[in-house]
Amino acid sequence: MKLEKIAPLIFSTIVVFSACSEPVELGKPIPEARRIKIREITDTPSVYADDTVEVEGEIRGGAVYKIIDGNAELLLAPVGFDLPDSLIGGKASCQGLVFYHEERGEPGLAAYYIKVRPPRRRAGGS
C-alpha cells in the first residue's frame, strides 16, 4: 500500500486517540465517601468538617490547586501523590476529607483519590 493512501488513516487515528483521553486515577478510592456538591461545603463548612466526601468539578491550578463547580470552589490538597500539570483544567471526581484552612479563610479537600479526565488540548500544544 502506498504511503499516500495510508497517511490520512494514520493521521485520523492519532487525532481520534488524542481526543479521547482515558481518565487518570490517582490515589485509592474511598468507598464510604458520600457525594455532595461543592456549594454545600462552601455554604456551611462547619457542617462538613472532617467528613469524607466526593465532589466533582474542574481542577484549576495556580498558587494553590482548587476544584471548581460553577461559582463554588474548594482548595484541593492531594495527599500521597502529585497532581501533574497536564491534568489542570480536567473534569474530576475527588474523594477526601473536608478541612477548613484558617489562614486562607476557606474550606478545602484533602484529596486521597482523584479521577480526572485530562483536558482537551488544541493542536499546536495550547
N, C-alpha and C. Protein backbone atom coordinates (compact mmCIF):
# COMPACT_ATOMS: atom_id res chain seq x y z
N MET A 1 0.85 -1.17 0.00
CA MET A 1 0.00 0.00 0.00
C MET A 1 0.90 1.23 0.00
N LYS A 2 0.53 2.20 -0.79
CA LYS A 2 1.35 3.40 -0.90
C LYS A 2 1.13 4.31 0.31
N LEU A 3 2.15 5.06 0.66
CA LEU A 3 2.11 5.98 1.79
C LEU A 3 1.00 7.01 1.64
N GLU A 4 0.75 7.46 0.41
CA GLU A 4 -0.29 8.46 0.18
C GLU A 4 -1.67 7.95 0.60
N LYS A 5 -1.88 6.65 0.48
CA LYS A 5 -3.17 6.08 0.82
C LYS A 5 -3.32 5.84 2.32
N ILE A 6 -2.24 5.50 3.01
CA ILE A 6 -2.37 5.19 4.43
C ILE A 6 -2.10 6.39 5.34
N ALA A 7 -1.45 7.42 4.83
CA ALA A 7 -1.14 8.59 5.66
C ALA A 7 -2.40 9.22 6.27
N PRO A 8 -3.50 9.44 5.50
CA PRO A 8 -4.71 10.00 6.12
C PRO A 8 -5.29 9.11 7.21
N LEU A 9 -5.21 7.80 7.01
CA LEU A 9 -5.71 6.85 8.00
C LEU A 9 -4.90 6.96 9.29
N ILE A 10 -3.59 7.01 9.18
CA ILE A 10 -2.73 7.13 10.36
C ILE A 10 -3.02 8.44 11.08
N PHE A 11 -3.12 9.54 10.34
CA PHE A 11 -3.38 10.85 10.94
C PHE A 11 -4.72 10.86 11.68
N SER A 12 -5.78 10.33 11.05
CA SER A 12 -7.10 10.35 11.68
C SER A 12 -7.12 9.47 12.93
N THR A 13 -6.38 8.37 12.92
CA THR A 13 -6.29 7.50 14.10
C THR A 13 -5.63 8.24 15.25
N ILE A 14 -4.56 8.97 14.97
CA ILE A 14 -3.87 9.74 16.01
C ILE A 14 -4.79 10.81 16.58
N VAL A 15 -5.54 11.50 15.74
CA VAL A 15 -6.45 12.54 16.20
C VAL A 15 -7.53 11.96 17.09
N VAL A 16 -8.12 10.84 16.70
CA VAL A 16 -9.18 10.22 17.50
C VAL A 16 -8.65 9.80 18.86
N PHE A 17 -7.50 9.15 18.92
CA PHE A 17 -6.96 8.71 20.20
C PHE A 17 -6.56 9.87 21.09
N SER A 18 -6.04 10.94 20.54
CA SER A 18 -5.64 12.07 21.38
C SER A 18 -6.86 12.82 21.92
N ALA A 19 -7.98 12.80 21.21
CA ALA A 19 -9.18 13.48 21.66
C ALA A 19 -9.95 12.68 22.70
N CYS A 20 -9.69 11.39 22.81
CA CYS A 20 -10.43 10.52 23.71
C CYS A 20 -9.53 10.03 24.84
N SER A 21 -8.93 10.95 25.56
CA SER A 21 -8.04 10.58 26.64
C SER A 21 -8.81 9.83 27.72
N GLU A 22 -8.22 8.77 28.19
CA GLU A 22 -8.81 7.98 29.26
C GLU A 22 -8.63 8.73 30.59
N PRO A 23 -9.57 8.56 31.52
CA PRO A 23 -9.41 9.18 32.83
C PRO A 23 -8.16 8.66 33.54
N VAL A 24 -7.56 9.53 34.32
CA VAL A 24 -6.39 9.19 35.11
C VAL A 24 -6.84 9.07 36.57
N GLU A 25 -6.42 8.00 37.23
CA GLU A 25 -6.78 7.80 38.63
C GLU A 25 -5.53 7.93 39.49
N LEU A 26 -5.62 8.74 40.53
CA LEU A 26 -4.52 8.96 41.46
C LEU A 26 -5.00 8.65 42.87
N GLY A 27 -4.21 7.91 43.63
CA GLY A 27 -4.61 7.54 44.98
C GLY A 27 -5.50 6.32 44.99
N LYS A 28 -6.16 6.11 46.13
CA LYS A 28 -7.05 4.96 46.29
C LYS A 28 -8.48 5.43 46.56
N PRO A 29 -9.47 4.81 45.89
CA PRO A 29 -10.87 5.19 46.12
C PRO A 29 -11.28 4.99 47.58
N ILE A 30 -12.21 5.81 48.02
CA ILE A 30 -12.76 5.72 49.38
C ILE A 30 -14.22 5.32 49.24
N PRO A 31 -14.54 4.05 49.43
CA PRO A 31 -15.91 3.57 49.20
C PRO A 31 -16.97 4.29 50.04
N GLU A 32 -16.63 4.71 51.25
CA GLU A 32 -17.63 5.34 52.13
C GLU A 32 -17.84 6.83 51.87
N ALA A 33 -17.11 7.40 50.91
CA ALA A 33 -17.26 8.83 50.61
C ALA A 33 -18.66 9.09 50.06
N ARG A 34 -19.32 10.10 50.61
CA ARG A 34 -20.66 10.43 50.11
C ARG A 34 -20.56 11.62 49.17
N ARG A 35 -21.28 11.53 48.08
CA ARG A 35 -21.23 12.55 47.03
C ARG A 35 -22.07 13.75 47.44
N ILE A 36 -21.44 14.92 47.38
CA ILE A 36 -22.16 16.17 47.64
C ILE A 36 -21.67 17.24 46.67
N LYS A 37 -22.37 18.33 46.62
CA LYS A 37 -21.98 19.46 45.77
C LYS A 37 -20.98 20.33 46.52
N ILE A 38 -20.05 20.92 45.78
CA ILE A 38 -19.07 21.82 46.38
C ILE A 38 -19.79 22.96 47.10
N ARG A 39 -20.86 23.47 46.52
CA ARG A 39 -21.61 24.58 47.12
C ARG A 39 -22.09 24.24 48.53
N GLU A 40 -22.47 22.99 48.78
CA GLU A 40 -22.92 22.60 50.12
C GLU A 40 -21.81 22.81 51.14
N ILE A 41 -20.58 22.47 50.75
CA ILE A 41 -19.45 22.63 51.67
C ILE A 41 -19.13 24.11 51.87
N THR A 42 -19.11 24.88 50.79
CA THR A 42 -18.75 26.29 50.92
C THR A 42 -19.81 27.09 51.67
N ASP A 43 -21.07 26.69 51.58
CA ASP A 43 -22.14 27.40 52.29
C ASP A 43 -22.11 27.12 53.80
N THR A 44 -21.77 25.88 54.17
CA THR A 44 -21.76 25.50 55.60
C THR A 44 -20.55 24.61 55.89
N PRO A 45 -19.34 25.18 55.83
CA PRO A 45 -18.15 24.35 56.01
C PRO A 45 -18.07 23.64 57.36
N SER A 46 -18.60 24.24 58.42
CA SER A 46 -18.51 23.60 59.73
C SER A 46 -19.32 22.31 59.81
N VAL A 47 -20.39 22.23 59.01
CA VAL A 47 -21.23 21.02 58.99
C VAL A 47 -20.45 19.83 58.41
N TYR A 48 -19.56 20.11 57.45
CA TYR A 48 -18.85 19.04 56.74
C TYR A 48 -17.42 18.84 57.21
N ALA A 49 -16.97 19.62 58.19
CA ALA A 49 -15.59 19.49 58.68
C ALA A 49 -15.31 18.05 59.10
N ASP A 50 -14.22 17.52 58.62
CA ASP A 50 -13.76 16.15 58.90
C ASP A 50 -14.64 15.05 58.30
N ASP A 51 -15.57 15.41 57.41
CA ASP A 51 -16.38 14.40 56.71
C ASP A 51 -15.62 13.88 55.50
N THR A 52 -15.86 12.63 55.16
CA THR A 52 -15.29 12.04 53.95
C THR A 52 -16.32 12.18 52.84
N VAL A 53 -15.97 12.93 51.81
CA VAL A 53 -16.93 13.26 50.76
C VAL A 53 -16.32 13.04 49.38
N GLU A 54 -17.19 13.11 48.38
CA GLU A 54 -16.79 13.09 46.98
C GLU A 54 -17.43 14.30 46.31
N VAL A 55 -16.62 15.08 45.60
CA VAL A 55 -17.11 16.24 44.87
C VAL A 55 -16.65 16.15 43.42
N GLU A 56 -17.35 16.86 42.56
CA GLU A 56 -16.99 16.88 41.14
C GLU A 56 -16.83 18.31 40.68
N GLY A 57 -15.90 18.51 39.74
CA GLY A 57 -15.69 19.83 39.19
C GLY A 57 -14.47 19.85 38.29
N GLU A 58 -14.02 21.05 38.00
CA GLU A 58 -12.84 21.24 37.15
C GLU A 58 -11.65 21.60 38.03
N ILE A 59 -10.53 20.96 37.76
CA ILE A 59 -9.32 21.25 38.52
C ILE A 59 -8.66 22.50 37.96
N ARG A 60 -8.32 23.42 38.85
CA ARG A 60 -7.62 24.64 38.47
C ARG A 60 -6.31 24.70 39.24
N GLY A 61 -5.32 25.33 38.64
CA GLY A 61 -4.02 25.47 39.27
C GLY A 61 -3.68 26.92 39.51
N GLY A 62 -2.48 27.14 39.95
CA GLY A 62 -2.01 28.48 40.28
C GLY A 62 -1.17 28.36 41.53
N ALA A 63 -1.29 29.33 42.43
CA ALA A 63 -0.56 29.27 43.69
C ALA A 63 -1.01 28.06 44.52
N VAL A 64 -2.29 27.71 44.39
CA VAL A 64 -2.84 26.52 45.05
C VAL A 64 -3.77 25.82 44.06
N TYR A 65 -3.99 24.52 44.29
CA TYR A 65 -4.96 23.79 43.48
C TYR A 65 -6.35 24.06 44.03
N LYS A 66 -7.34 24.06 43.12
CA LYS A 66 -8.73 24.18 43.51
C LYS A 66 -9.57 23.26 42.63
N ILE A 67 -10.73 22.89 43.15
CA ILE A 67 -11.72 22.21 42.33
C ILE A 67 -12.94 23.11 42.31
N ILE A 68 -13.44 23.37 41.10
CA ILE A 68 -14.47 24.39 40.90
C ILE A 68 -15.68 23.78 40.20
N ASP A 69 -16.86 24.13 40.72
CA ASP A 69 -18.12 23.72 40.11
C ASP A 69 -19.00 24.96 40.05
N GLY A 70 -19.13 25.54 38.88
CA GLY A 70 -19.89 26.79 38.75
C GLY A 70 -19.18 27.90 39.51
N ASN A 71 -19.87 28.51 40.47
CA ASN A 71 -19.29 29.59 41.27
C ASN A 71 -18.73 29.10 42.59
N ALA A 72 -18.79 27.82 42.87
CA ALA A 72 -18.30 27.27 44.13
C ALA A 72 -16.93 26.63 43.91
N GLU A 73 -16.02 26.86 44.86
CA GLU A 73 -14.68 26.29 44.74
C GLU A 73 -14.14 25.88 46.10
N LEU A 74 -13.32 24.83 46.06
CA LEU A 74 -12.64 24.33 47.26
C LEU A 74 -11.15 24.29 47.01
N LEU A 75 -10.37 24.55 48.05
CA LEU A 75 -8.95 24.27 47.97
C LEU A 75 -8.82 22.77 47.75
N LEU A 76 -7.80 22.36 47.04
CA LEU A 76 -7.59 20.94 46.76
C LEU A 76 -6.16 20.58 47.14
N ALA A 77 -6.03 19.70 48.13
CA ALA A 77 -4.71 19.30 48.62
C ALA A 77 -4.53 17.80 48.41
N PRO A 78 -3.87 17.40 47.31
CA PRO A 78 -3.62 15.97 47.10
C PRO A 78 -2.76 15.39 48.23
N VAL A 79 -3.14 14.22 48.70
CA VAL A 79 -2.43 13.56 49.79
C VAL A 79 -1.83 12.25 49.29
N GLY A 80 -0.50 12.16 49.31
CA GLY A 80 0.17 10.92 48.93
C GLY A 80 0.51 10.81 47.46
N PHE A 81 0.23 11.83 46.68
CA PHE A 81 0.56 11.83 45.26
C PHE A 81 0.65 13.27 44.76
N ASP A 82 1.34 13.45 43.65
CA ASP A 82 1.44 14.75 43.00
C ASP A 82 0.38 14.85 41.91
N LEU A 83 -0.09 16.04 41.66
CA LEU A 83 -1.06 16.29 40.61
C LEU A 83 -0.31 16.85 39.40
N PRO A 84 -0.18 16.08 38.32
CA PRO A 84 0.55 16.55 37.15
C PRO A 84 -0.10 17.79 36.52
N ASP A 85 0.72 18.70 36.04
CA ASP A 85 0.22 19.90 35.37
C ASP A 85 -0.68 19.57 34.19
N SER A 86 -0.45 18.42 33.55
CA SER A 86 -1.23 18.03 32.37
C SER A 86 -2.71 17.79 32.71
N LEU A 87 -3.04 17.66 34.01
CA LEU A 87 -4.43 17.42 34.41
C LEU A 87 -5.16 18.69 34.80
N ILE A 88 -4.45 19.80 34.90
CA ILE A 88 -5.09 21.08 35.23
C ILE A 88 -6.06 21.43 34.11
N GLY A 89 -7.27 21.76 34.49
CA GLY A 89 -8.32 22.06 33.51
C GLY A 89 -9.21 20.87 33.22
N GLY A 90 -8.86 19.70 33.75
CA GLY A 90 -9.64 18.50 33.53
C GLY A 90 -10.84 18.41 34.45
N LYS A 91 -11.84 17.66 34.01
CA LYS A 91 -13.02 17.39 34.84
C LYS A 91 -12.70 16.24 35.78
N ALA A 92 -13.00 16.43 37.08
CA ALA A 92 -12.55 15.46 38.06
C ALA A 92 -13.62 15.11 39.07
N SER A 93 -13.45 13.93 39.63
CA SER A 93 -14.18 13.48 40.79
C SER A 93 -13.12 13.28 41.87
N CYS A 94 -13.29 13.95 43.01
CA CYS A 94 -12.28 13.90 44.07
C CYS A 94 -12.91 13.40 45.37
N GLN A 95 -12.23 12.48 46.03
CA GLN A 95 -12.69 11.96 47.31
C GLN A 95 -11.66 12.31 48.37
N GLY A 96 -12.16 12.72 49.53
CA GLY A 96 -11.23 13.04 50.60
C GLY A 96 -11.93 13.61 51.81
N LEU A 97 -11.12 14.23 52.66
CA LEU A 97 -11.55 14.75 53.95
C LEU A 97 -11.68 16.27 53.88
N VAL A 98 -12.84 16.78 54.29
CA VAL A 98 -13.08 18.23 54.28
C VAL A 98 -12.32 18.86 55.45
N PHE A 99 -11.66 19.99 55.17
CA PHE A 99 -10.97 20.74 56.23
C PHE A 99 -11.23 22.22 56.03
N TYR A 100 -10.88 23.02 57.03
CA TYR A 100 -11.01 24.47 56.91
C TYR A 100 -9.63 25.07 57.08
N HIS A 101 -9.18 25.82 56.08
CA HIS A 101 -7.85 26.44 56.09
C HIS A 101 -7.99 27.79 56.80
N GLU A 102 -7.56 27.84 58.06
CA GLU A 102 -7.72 29.04 58.87
C GLU A 102 -7.04 30.26 58.25
N GLU A 103 -5.81 30.10 57.78
CA GLU A 103 -5.06 31.23 57.24
C GLU A 103 -5.71 31.81 55.99
N ARG A 104 -6.22 30.96 55.13
CA ARG A 104 -6.86 31.42 53.89
C ARG A 104 -8.33 31.76 54.11
N GLY A 105 -8.90 31.24 55.20
CA GLY A 105 -10.30 31.51 55.49
C GLY A 105 -11.26 30.84 54.54
N GLU A 106 -10.90 29.64 54.09
CA GLU A 106 -11.79 28.93 53.16
C GLU A 106 -11.67 27.42 53.35
N PRO A 107 -12.73 26.69 52.98
CA PRO A 107 -12.69 25.23 53.11
C PRO A 107 -11.89 24.58 52.00
N GLY A 108 -11.48 23.35 52.27
CA GLY A 108 -10.73 22.60 51.28
C GLY A 108 -11.00 21.12 51.40
N LEU A 109 -10.36 20.38 50.50
CA LEU A 109 -10.50 18.93 50.48
C LEU A 109 -9.11 18.32 50.45
N ALA A 110 -8.80 17.53 51.48
CA ALA A 110 -7.58 16.73 51.49
C ALA A 110 -7.90 15.51 50.65
N ALA A 111 -7.47 15.52 49.38
CA ALA A 111 -7.89 14.51 48.41
C ALA A 111 -6.99 13.28 48.47
N TYR A 112 -7.60 12.15 48.80
CA TYR A 112 -6.90 10.87 48.82
C TYR A 112 -7.11 10.09 47.53
N TYR A 113 -8.08 10.55 46.72
CA TYR A 113 -8.37 9.89 45.44
C TYR A 113 -8.91 10.93 44.47
N ILE A 114 -8.34 10.94 43.28
CA ILE A 114 -8.81 11.83 42.22
C ILE A 114 -8.90 11.02 40.93
N LYS A 115 -10.04 11.11 40.28
CA LYS A 115 -10.22 10.53 38.95
C LYS A 115 -10.51 11.69 38.03
N VAL A 116 -9.63 11.93 37.08
CA VAL A 116 -9.76 13.12 36.24
C VAL A 116 -9.58 12.78 34.77
N ARG A 117 -10.44 13.35 33.96
CA ARG A 117 -10.30 13.24 32.51
C ARG A 117 -9.46 14.42 32.08
N PRO A 118 -8.28 14.16 31.50
CA PRO A 118 -7.41 15.26 31.09
C PRO A 118 -8.12 16.21 30.15
N PRO A 119 -7.78 17.50 30.24
CA PRO A 119 -8.43 18.47 29.35
C PRO A 119 -8.02 18.24 27.92
N ARG A 120 -8.87 18.63 27.01
CA ARG A 120 -8.53 18.55 25.59
C ARG A 120 -7.56 19.66 25.28
N ARG A 121 -6.56 19.33 24.55
CA ARG A 121 -5.55 20.32 24.13
C ARG A 121 -5.75 20.60 22.67
N ARG A 122 -5.69 21.86 22.31
CA ARG A 122 -5.81 22.22 20.89
C ARG A 122 -4.53 21.90 20.17
N ALA A 123 -4.63 21.69 18.88
CA ALA A 123 -3.46 21.42 18.05
C ALA A 123 -2.47 22.56 18.21
N GLY A 124 -1.20 22.25 18.25
CA GLY A 124 -0.19 23.25 18.43
C GLY A 124 0.25 23.37 19.87
N GLY A 125 -0.31 22.52 20.77
CA GLY A 125 0.14 22.48 22.15
C GLY A 125 -0.49 23.46 23.09
N SER A 126 -1.52 24.20 22.65
CA SER A 126 -2.13 25.15 23.58
C SER A 126 -3.46 24.69 24.08
